[in-house]
Amino acid sequence: MDGCTRGKQAQERCQPHAQRRRRYGLTDEEMAAIDRQELCALCRKRPPEHVDHDHVTGRTREALCRLCNTGLGGFEDDPDLLRRAADYIEEHRGRYVVVLP
């Protein structure tokens, strides 16, 4: 995920890797688990680029691709709003939409 060469010494020298560790307070084990993630934890389609975290508690979750991370941020991490959005999409799937002037 981080583009750094694997190995503890290489990771300590990698600035983005070190910044993520400091920013999110990750342990070596937690950082290693995130580095092992090959696909976004949400869509499971694209490589992860961002460490997702809870904006209220600051706790890290998993790594997400840019699109999924941006999407969650746009919905302000609100589960109710995300459910309504999913319901909206399902309700309108396959429907013809009339555009009014």
N, C-alpha and C. Protein backbone atom coordinates (compact mmCIF):
# COMPACT_ATOMS: atom_id res chain seq x y z
N MET A 1 0.81 -1.20 0.00
CA MET A 1 0.00 0.00 0.00
C MET A 1 0.85 1.25 0.00
N ASP A 2 1.96 1.25 0.68
CA ASP A 2 2.71 2.47 0.86
C ASP A 2 3.78 2.72 -0.18
N GLY A 3 4.08 1.74 -1.01
CA GLY A 3 5.11 1.91 -2.02
C GLY A 3 6.51 1.83 -1.46
N CYS A 4 6.66 1.64 -0.16
CA CYS A 4 7.98 1.52 0.46
C CYS A 4 8.50 0.10 0.24
N THR A 5 9.80 -0.03 0.23
CA THR A 5 10.39 -1.36 0.18
C THR A 5 10.05 -2.04 1.49
N ARG A 6 9.71 -3.31 1.42
CA ARG A 6 9.34 -4.03 2.63
C ARG A 6 10.57 -4.24 3.52
N GLY A 7 10.32 -4.43 4.78
CA GLY A 7 11.38 -4.61 5.75
C GLY A 7 11.38 -3.45 6.72
N LYS A 8 11.62 -3.74 7.98
CA LYS A 8 11.50 -2.73 9.03
C LYS A 8 12.42 -1.53 8.81
N GLN A 9 13.68 -1.76 8.47
CA GLN A 9 14.59 -0.64 8.29
C GLN A 9 14.17 0.23 7.12
N ALA A 10 13.74 -0.38 6.04
CA ALA A 10 13.28 0.39 4.88
C ALA A 10 12.04 1.19 5.23
N GLN A 11 11.13 0.61 5.99
CA GLN A 11 9.89 1.30 6.36
C GLN A 11 10.18 2.48 7.28
N GLU A 12 11.16 2.34 8.16
CA GLU A 12 11.50 3.45 9.05
C GLU A 12 12.05 4.63 8.26
N ARG A 13 12.67 4.36 7.11
CA ARG A 13 13.23 5.44 6.28
C ARG A 13 12.20 6.03 5.33
N CYS A 14 11.09 5.36 5.16
CA CYS A 14 10.07 5.81 4.21
C CYS A 14 9.20 6.86 4.87
N GLN A 15 9.28 8.10 4.37
CA GLN A 15 8.56 9.20 5.01
C GLN A 15 7.05 9.01 5.06
N PRO A 16 6.38 8.64 3.94
CA PRO A 16 4.91 8.46 4.03
C PRO A 16 4.51 7.38 5.04
N HIS A 17 5.29 6.31 5.08
CA HIS A 17 5.02 5.22 6.01
C HIS A 17 5.13 5.73 7.45
N ALA A 18 6.19 6.45 7.74
CA ALA A 18 6.41 6.99 9.09
C ALA A 18 5.34 8.00 9.46
N GLN A 19 4.92 8.81 8.50
CA GLN A 19 3.87 9.80 8.78
C GLN A 19 2.56 9.13 9.16
N ARG A 20 2.21 8.06 8.43
CA ARG A 20 0.97 7.34 8.76
C ARG A 20 1.05 6.73 10.14
N ARG A 21 2.20 6.15 10.47
CA ARG A 21 2.35 5.55 11.79
C ARG A 21 2.14 6.60 12.88
N ARG A 22 2.76 7.76 12.71
CA ARG A 22 2.64 8.83 13.72
C ARG A 22 1.22 9.39 13.76
N ARG A 23 0.68 9.67 12.58
CA ARG A 23 -0.64 10.31 12.51
C ARG A 23 -1.72 9.47 13.17
N TYR A 24 -1.69 8.16 12.93
CA TYR A 24 -2.74 7.30 13.44
C TYR A 24 -2.32 6.50 14.66
N GLY A 25 -1.09 6.66 15.13
CA GLY A 25 -0.62 5.95 16.32
C GLY A 25 -0.60 4.44 16.13
N LEU A 26 -0.22 3.98 14.94
CA LEU A 26 -0.26 2.55 14.64
C LEU A 26 0.95 1.81 15.19
N THR A 27 0.71 0.62 15.66
CA THR A 27 1.81 -0.25 16.09
C THR A 27 2.43 -0.90 14.86
N ASP A 28 3.57 -1.55 15.04
CA ASP A 28 4.20 -2.28 13.94
C ASP A 28 3.25 -3.32 13.37
N GLU A 29 2.55 -4.03 14.25
CA GLU A 29 1.63 -5.08 13.80
C GLU A 29 0.46 -4.51 13.01
N GLU A 30 -0.08 -3.40 13.48
CA GLU A 30 -1.21 -2.77 12.78
C GLU A 30 -0.77 -2.24 11.41
N MET A 31 0.41 -1.64 11.36
CA MET A 31 0.91 -1.13 10.09
C MET A 31 1.18 -2.27 9.12
N ALA A 32 1.71 -3.38 9.63
CA ALA A 32 1.98 -4.55 8.79
C ALA A 32 0.67 -5.11 8.22
N ALA A 33 -0.38 -5.14 9.04
CA ALA A 33 -1.68 -5.65 8.58
C ALA A 33 -2.22 -4.78 7.46
N ILE A 34 -2.10 -3.47 7.60
CA ILE A 34 -2.57 -2.55 6.56
C ILE A 34 -1.74 -2.73 5.29
N ASP A 35 -0.42 -2.89 5.46
CA ASP A 35 0.46 -3.07 4.30
C ASP A 35 0.14 -4.36 3.54
N ARG A 36 -0.37 -5.36 4.23
CA ARG A 36 -0.70 -6.64 3.57
C ARG A 36 -1.99 -6.57 2.77
N GLN A 37 -2.80 -5.58 3.02
CA GLN A 37 -4.06 -5.45 2.30
C GLN A 37 -3.79 -5.22 0.83
N GLU A 38 -4.30 -6.09 -0.02
CA GLU A 38 -4.09 -5.96 -1.46
C GLU A 38 -5.23 -5.23 -2.15
N LEU A 39 -6.41 -5.28 -1.54
CA LEU A 39 -7.58 -4.63 -2.13
C LEU A 39 -8.27 -3.76 -1.08
N CYS A 40 -9.00 -2.78 -1.55
CA CYS A 40 -9.80 -1.90 -0.70
C CYS A 40 -10.73 -2.75 0.17
N ALA A 41 -10.82 -2.42 1.44
CA ALA A 41 -11.66 -3.18 2.38
C ALA A 41 -13.15 -3.02 2.08
N LEU A 42 -13.52 -2.00 1.33
CA LEU A 42 -14.93 -1.76 1.06
C LEU A 42 -15.37 -2.33 -0.29
N CYS A 43 -14.78 -1.87 -1.37
CA CYS A 43 -15.22 -2.33 -2.70
C CYS A 43 -14.54 -3.62 -3.13
N ARG A 44 -13.38 -3.90 -2.59
CA ARG A 44 -12.58 -5.09 -2.94
C ARG A 44 -12.27 -5.16 -4.44
N LYS A 45 -12.14 -3.98 -5.08
CA LYS A 45 -11.85 -3.92 -6.51
C LYS A 45 -10.51 -3.25 -6.80
N ARG A 46 -10.18 -2.21 -6.06
CA ARG A 46 -8.99 -1.41 -6.34
C ARG A 46 -7.99 -1.51 -5.19
N PRO A 47 -6.72 -1.20 -5.47
CA PRO A 47 -5.72 -1.23 -4.40
C PRO A 47 -6.00 -0.13 -3.37
N PRO A 48 -5.73 -0.39 -2.11
CA PRO A 48 -5.95 0.62 -1.08
C PRO A 48 -4.89 1.71 -1.14
N GLU A 49 -5.31 2.93 -0.88
CA GLU A 49 -4.39 4.07 -0.89
C GLU A 49 -4.47 4.89 0.39
N HIS A 50 -5.55 4.74 1.14
CA HIS A 50 -5.78 5.60 2.31
C HIS A 50 -6.08 4.76 3.55
N VAL A 51 -5.55 5.20 4.68
CA VAL A 51 -5.89 4.57 5.96
C VAL A 51 -7.18 5.22 6.42
N ASP A 52 -8.25 4.43 6.48
CA ASP A 52 -9.54 4.94 6.91
C ASP A 52 -9.54 5.04 8.43
N HIS A 53 -10.19 6.08 8.94
CA HIS A 53 -10.28 6.24 10.39
C HIS A 53 -11.61 6.88 10.76
N ASP A 54 -12.01 6.62 11.99
CA ASP A 54 -13.23 7.19 12.54
C ASP A 54 -12.95 8.63 12.92
N HIS A 55 -13.70 9.57 12.36
CA HIS A 55 -13.44 10.98 12.61
C HIS A 55 -13.84 11.42 14.01
N VAL A 56 -14.64 10.62 14.70
CA VAL A 56 -15.04 10.96 16.07
C VAL A 56 -14.00 10.44 17.06
N THR A 57 -13.64 9.16 16.94
CA THR A 57 -12.72 8.57 17.91
C THR A 57 -11.26 8.65 17.47
N GLY A 58 -11.03 8.81 16.15
CA GLY A 58 -9.67 8.84 15.63
C GLY A 58 -9.08 7.45 15.41
N ARG A 59 -9.81 6.42 15.79
CA ARG A 59 -9.30 5.04 15.64
C ARG A 59 -9.28 4.64 14.17
N THR A 60 -8.22 3.91 13.80
CA THR A 60 -8.11 3.45 12.43
C THR A 60 -9.02 2.25 12.21
N ARG A 61 -9.44 2.11 10.95
CA ARG A 61 -10.25 0.97 10.57
C ARG A 61 -9.41 0.10 9.63
N GLU A 62 -9.56 0.25 8.34
CA GLU A 62 -8.77 -0.51 7.38
C GLU A 62 -8.36 0.43 6.26
N ALA A 63 -7.68 -0.10 5.26
CA ALA A 63 -7.24 0.72 4.14
C ALA A 63 -8.30 0.68 3.03
N LEU A 64 -8.54 1.85 2.44
CA LEU A 64 -9.54 1.99 1.38
C LEU A 64 -8.91 2.61 0.15
N CYS A 65 -9.54 2.37 -1.00
CA CYS A 65 -9.12 3.05 -2.22
C CYS A 65 -9.60 4.51 -2.13
N ARG A 66 -9.11 5.33 -3.05
CA ARG A 66 -9.44 6.75 -3.04
C ARG A 66 -10.95 6.97 -3.18
N LEU A 67 -11.59 6.23 -4.10
CA LEU A 67 -13.01 6.44 -4.34
C LEU A 67 -13.86 6.09 -3.11
N CYS A 68 -13.58 4.97 -2.49
CA CYS A 68 -14.36 4.57 -1.31
C CYS A 68 -14.10 5.50 -0.13
N ASN A 69 -12.86 5.91 0.04
CA ASN A 69 -12.53 6.82 1.13
C ASN A 69 -13.24 8.17 0.95
N THR A 70 -13.24 8.66 -0.28
CA THR A 70 -13.92 9.93 -0.58
C THR A 70 -15.43 9.78 -0.40
N GLY A 71 -15.97 8.64 -0.83
CA GLY A 71 -17.40 8.40 -0.69
C GLY A 71 -17.84 8.39 0.76
N LEU A 72 -17.10 7.69 1.61
CA LEU A 72 -17.45 7.67 3.04
C LEU A 72 -17.37 9.08 3.62
N GLY A 73 -16.34 9.81 3.24
CA GLY A 73 -16.21 11.19 3.73
C GLY A 73 -17.37 12.06 3.29
N GLY A 74 -17.82 11.87 2.04
CA GLY A 74 -18.95 12.64 1.53
C GLY A 74 -20.24 12.36 2.27
N PHE A 75 -20.36 11.15 2.80
CA PHE A 75 -21.53 10.79 3.59
C PHE A 75 -21.28 10.98 5.08
N GLU A 76 -20.18 11.66 5.41
CA GLU A 76 -19.83 12.04 6.78
C GLU A 76 -19.83 10.86 7.74
N ASP A 77 -19.46 9.68 7.25
CA ASP A 77 -19.40 8.47 8.08
C ASP A 77 -20.72 8.19 8.81
N ASP A 78 -21.83 8.62 8.21
CA ASP A 78 -23.14 8.47 8.83
C ASP A 78 -23.82 7.20 8.31
N PRO A 79 -23.91 6.15 9.13
CA PRO A 79 -24.51 4.89 8.67
C PRO A 79 -25.95 5.05 8.19
N ASP A 80 -26.74 5.89 8.85
CA ASP A 80 -28.12 6.09 8.43
C ASP A 80 -28.19 6.72 7.04
N LEU A 81 -27.34 7.70 6.79
CA LEU A 81 -27.31 8.35 5.49
C LEU A 81 -26.83 7.37 4.41
N LEU A 82 -25.85 6.55 4.74
CA LEU A 82 -25.38 5.54 3.79
C LEU A 82 -26.47 4.53 3.46
N ARG A 83 -27.25 4.11 4.47
CA ARG A 83 -28.36 3.18 4.23
C ARG A 83 -29.42 3.81 3.34
N ARG A 84 -29.73 5.10 3.61
CA ARG A 84 -30.72 5.79 2.77
C ARG A 84 -30.21 5.90 1.33
N ALA A 85 -28.92 6.15 1.17
CA ALA A 85 -28.35 6.24 -0.18
C ALA A 85 -28.46 4.88 -0.88
N ALA A 86 -28.17 3.80 -0.18
CA ALA A 86 -28.29 2.46 -0.77
C ALA A 86 -29.74 2.18 -1.15
N ASP A 87 -30.68 2.53 -0.26
CA ASP A 87 -32.11 2.34 -0.55
C ASP A 87 -32.51 3.16 -1.78
N TYR A 88 -32.03 4.38 -1.87
CA TYR A 88 -32.34 5.26 -2.99
C TYR A 88 -31.87 4.64 -4.30
N ILE A 89 -30.65 4.15 -4.32
CA ILE A 89 -30.11 3.54 -5.53
C ILE A 89 -30.92 2.31 -5.93
N GLU A 90 -31.23 1.46 -4.95
CA GLU A 90 -32.01 0.26 -5.25
C GLU A 90 -33.41 0.60 -5.73
N GLU A 91 -34.02 1.60 -5.12
CA GLU A 91 -35.37 2.01 -5.49
C GLU A 91 -35.42 2.52 -6.94
N HIS A 92 -34.37 3.20 -7.39
CA HIS A 92 -34.37 3.79 -8.72
C HIS A 92 -33.66 2.95 -9.77
N ARG A 93 -33.15 1.80 -9.41
CA ARG A 93 -32.45 0.94 -10.36
C ARG A 93 -33.45 0.46 -11.42
N GLY A 94 -33.11 0.67 -12.68
CA GLY A 94 -33.95 0.20 -13.76
C GLY A 94 -35.13 1.09 -14.09
N ARG A 95 -35.32 2.15 -13.34
CA ARG A 95 -36.43 3.06 -13.62
C ARG A 95 -36.01 4.09 -14.65
N TYR A 96 -37.00 4.53 -15.42
CA TYR A 96 -36.78 5.66 -16.30
C TYR A 96 -37.05 6.91 -15.49
N VAL A 97 -36.18 7.88 -15.63
CA VAL A 97 -36.33 9.11 -14.88
C VAL A 97 -36.81 10.21 -15.83
N VAL A 98 -37.83 10.90 -15.44
CA VAL A 98 -38.35 12.02 -16.23
C VAL A 98 -37.66 13.28 -15.74
N VAL A 99 -36.99 13.97 -16.65
CA VAL A 99 -36.32 15.21 -16.30
C VAL A 99 -37.25 16.35 -16.59
N LEU A 100 -37.57 17.13 -15.58
CA LEU A 100 -38.47 18.28 -15.75
C LEU A 100 -37.65 19.52 -16.05
N PRO A 101 -38.22 20.41 -16.92
CA PRO A 101 -37.48 21.65 -17.27
C PRO A 101 -37.41 22.60 -16.10
